[in-house]
Protein backbone atom coordinates (compact mmCIF):
# COMPACT_ATOMS: atom_id res chain seq x y z
CA MET A 1 9.08 -14.58 23.20
CA TYR A 2 6.38 -16.92 21.90
CA LYS A 3 3.65 -14.93 23.56
CA ARG A 4 4.75 -11.70 21.91
CA GLN A 5 4.59 -13.41 18.52
CA ARG A 6 0.93 -14.20 19.17
CA VAL A 7 -0.10 -10.55 19.54
CA GLY A 8 -0.52 -9.95 15.80
CA PRO A 9 -2.82 -12.93 15.29
CA LEU A 10 -4.82 -11.94 18.37
CA VAL A 11 -5.31 -8.43 17.00
CA LEU A 12 -6.48 -9.94 13.72
CA GLU A 13 -8.79 -12.33 15.57
CA SER A 14 -10.28 -9.44 17.53
CA GLU A 15 -10.98 -7.48 14.37
CA LEU A 16 -12.47 -10.54 12.64
CA ARG A 17 -14.73 -11.35 15.60
CA LEU A 18 -15.88 -7.76 15.69
CA LYS A 19 -16.87 -7.92 12.01
CA GLN A 20 -18.76 -11.12 12.77
CA GLY A 21 -20.65 -9.36 15.54
CA ARG A 22 -19.06 -11.59 18.17
CA PHE A 23 -18.27 -8.75 20.54
CA ASP A 24 -17.49 -10.89 23.59
CA ASP A 25 -14.95 -12.89 21.58
CA ALA A 26 -13.46 -9.69 20.12
CA LEU A 27 -13.02 -8.21 23.56
CA ALA A 28 -11.53 -11.46 24.88
CA ALA A 29 -8.92 -11.58 22.10
CA THR A 30 -8.12 -7.93 22.66
CA ARG A 31 -7.61 -8.44 26.38
CA GLN A 32 -5.42 -11.48 25.76
CA ALA A 33 -3.18 -9.57 23.33
CA GLU A 34 -2.82 -6.71 25.77
CA THR A 35 -2.00 -9.09 28.62
CA GLU A 36 0.63 -10.86 26.56
CA LEU A 37 2.22 -7.57 25.55
CA SER A 38 2.25 -6.35 29.15
CA GLU A 39 5.17 -8.68 29.74
CA GLY A 40 7.23 -6.57 27.37
CA GLY A 41 7.28 -5.85 23.71
CA ASP A 42 6.55 -3.21 21.16
CA ARG A 43 3.19 -1.57 21.82
CA TRP A 44 3.09 -0.72 18.11
CA GLN A 45 1.84 -4.28 17.64
CA LEU A 46 -1.40 -3.11 19.25
CA ARG A 47 -2.18 -0.59 16.51
CA GLY A 48 -5.72 -1.15 15.42
CA LEU A 49 -6.52 -3.15 18.53
CA TYR A 50 -7.81 -0.27 20.62
CA PHE A 51 -9.82 0.99 17.66
CA ALA A 52 -11.46 -2.44 17.29
CA TRP A 53 -12.15 -2.44 21.00
CA GLY A 54 -13.61 1.05 20.84
CA LYS A 55 -15.95 0.01 18.04
CA ALA A 56 -17.01 -3.04 20.05
CA TRP A 57 -17.85 -0.87 23.07
CA ALA A 58 -19.73 1.58 20.87
CA ASN A 59 -21.74 -1.28 19.37
CA GLU A 60 -22.54 -2.44 22.89
CA GLY A 61 -23.79 1.07 23.68
CA ASP A 62 -21.05 2.04 26.13
CA LEU A 63 -19.80 5.35 24.72
CA ASN A 64 -17.59 6.08 27.73
CA GLN A 65 -15.58 2.90 27.17
CA ALA A 66 -15.62 3.48 23.41
CA LYS A 67 -14.21 6.99 23.81
CA GLU A 68 -11.49 5.72 26.14
CA PHE A 69 -10.32 3.16 23.60
CA PHE A 70 -10.53 5.55 20.65
CA ARG A 71 -8.28 7.90 22.65
CA ARG A 72 -5.85 5.06 23.36
CA GLU A 73 -5.70 4.26 19.66
CA ILE A 74 -5.06 7.91 18.79
CA GLU A 75 -2.25 8.05 21.35
CA LEU A 76 -0.70 4.85 19.98
CA ASN A 77 -1.29 5.59 16.30
CA PRO A 78 -1.96 9.31 15.66
CA GLU A 79 -1.73 8.83 11.89
CA ALA A 80 -4.86 6.64 11.83
CA LEU A 81 -7.85 8.78 10.89
CA GLN A 82 -10.82 6.59 11.79
CA PRO A 83 -10.25 6.64 15.57
CA TYR A 84 -10.49 10.44 15.50
CA ALA A 85 -13.66 10.30 13.42
CA HIS A 86 -15.28 7.73 15.69
CA LEU A 87 -14.28 9.64 18.82
CA ALA A 88 -15.69 12.86 17.38
CA PHE A 89 -18.94 11.13 16.49
CA ALA A 90 -19.27 9.60 19.97
CA LEU A 91 -18.69 13.02 21.52
CA ALA A 92 -21.32 14.54 19.24
CA LEU A 93 -23.80 11.81 20.18
CA GLU A 94 -23.35 12.87 23.79
CA GLY A 95 -24.01 16.49 22.87
CA ASP A 96 -20.40 17.65 23.21
CA GLY A 97 -20.06 19.41 19.86
CA PRO A 98 -17.08 21.56 20.92
CA SER A 99 -15.03 18.50 21.89
CA ALA A 100 -16.09 16.73 18.70
CA GLY A 101 -14.87 19.70 16.67
CA ALA A 102 -11.63 19.87 18.66
CA THR A 103 -11.03 16.18 17.96
CA LEU A 104 -11.42 16.70 14.21
CA GLN A 105 -9.17 19.75 14.39
CA GLU A 106 -6.53 17.68 16.21
CA MET A 107 -6.81 15.06 13.46
CA THR A 108 -6.22 17.59 10.66
CA GLN A 109 -3.40 19.31 12.53
CA THR A 110 -1.67 16.01 13.25
CA ASN A 111 -2.31 14.75 9.71
CA PRO A 112 -2.39 17.76 7.38
CA THR A 113 -3.45 15.77 4.32
CA PRO A 114 -6.38 15.83 1.91
CA GLU A 115 -7.48 12.45 3.28
CA ALA A 116 -7.64 13.76 6.85
CA TYR A 117 -9.68 16.76 5.75
CA ALA A 118 -11.99 14.56 3.70
CA THR A 119 -12.50 12.32 6.73
CA ALA A 120 -13.28 15.37 8.86
CA VAL A 121 -15.78 16.64 6.27
CA GLU A 122 -17.50 13.26 6.08
CA THR A 123 -17.65 13.07 9.87
CA LEU A 124 -19.20 16.52 10.11
CA GLN A 125 -21.73 15.53 7.46
CA ALA A 126 -22.59 12.36 9.41
CA MET A 127 -23.09 14.56 12.49
CA LYS A 128 -25.50 16.67 10.38
CA ASP A 129 -23.24 19.74 10.68
CA GLU A 130 -23.46 20.68 7.02
CA ARG A 131 -22.36 24.27 7.60
CA SER A 132 -19.07 23.28 9.25
CA ALA A 133 -18.55 20.51 6.70
CA ALA A 134 -18.97 22.94 3.80
CA ALA A 135 -16.62 25.51 5.36
CA LEU A 136 -13.96 22.89 6.04
CA LEU A 137 -14.30 21.50 2.53
CA ARG A 138 -13.85 24.97 1.02
CA TYR A 139 -10.71 25.48 3.11
CA ALA A 140 -9.32 22.05 2.19
CA LEU A 141 -9.96 22.60 -1.51
CA GLN A 142 -8.01 25.87 -1.31
CA GLN A 143 -5.08 23.91 0.15
CA TRP A 144 -5.34 20.94 -2.23
CA PRO A 145 -7.28 22.01 -5.33
CA ASP A 146 -6.15 18.92 -7.27
CA SER A 147 -7.33 16.41 -4.67
CA GLU A 148 -9.84 14.07 -6.27
CA ARG A 149 -10.85 12.83 -2.82
CA LEU A 150 -11.86 16.35 -1.77
CA ARG A 151 -13.45 17.22 -5.10
CA ASP A 152 -15.60 14.09 -4.83
CA LEU A 153 -17.14 15.56 -1.68
CA GLN A 154 -18.39 18.66 -3.44
CA GLU A 155 -22.10 18.82 -4.06
CA PRO A 156 -23.03 18.25 -7.72
């Protein structure tokens, strides 16, 4: 029981170490939390952990590992938008635009909210796909014309 109570602090430690640029420490805390949860417990406690791990792998330049952990985070926590955005960006960096687009589409279908569409638009913009970003923004604004978040993305 004690070990399972330590998972939350380990997740927090992993995220903190990642922000400090201490990637080895972040990965170590992540692995320890996962090991402790493997003995039983609610995997929901891991939410955010795989995303932190994915970012650490991406920062280390290992996009294959990063993509794997972004996918794990999406499976565990499909309401979280950033794992989708990071996965899509990693796919785009590898030249797999169709899979990147499919990932953003999955995000907006799973989370049909103005925030999800805004995140998708911003991701497309970061990928330098202005045409798709503009088309998606037009669609989203038709669905949620009162969304300040979406309106803020319009060009002045």
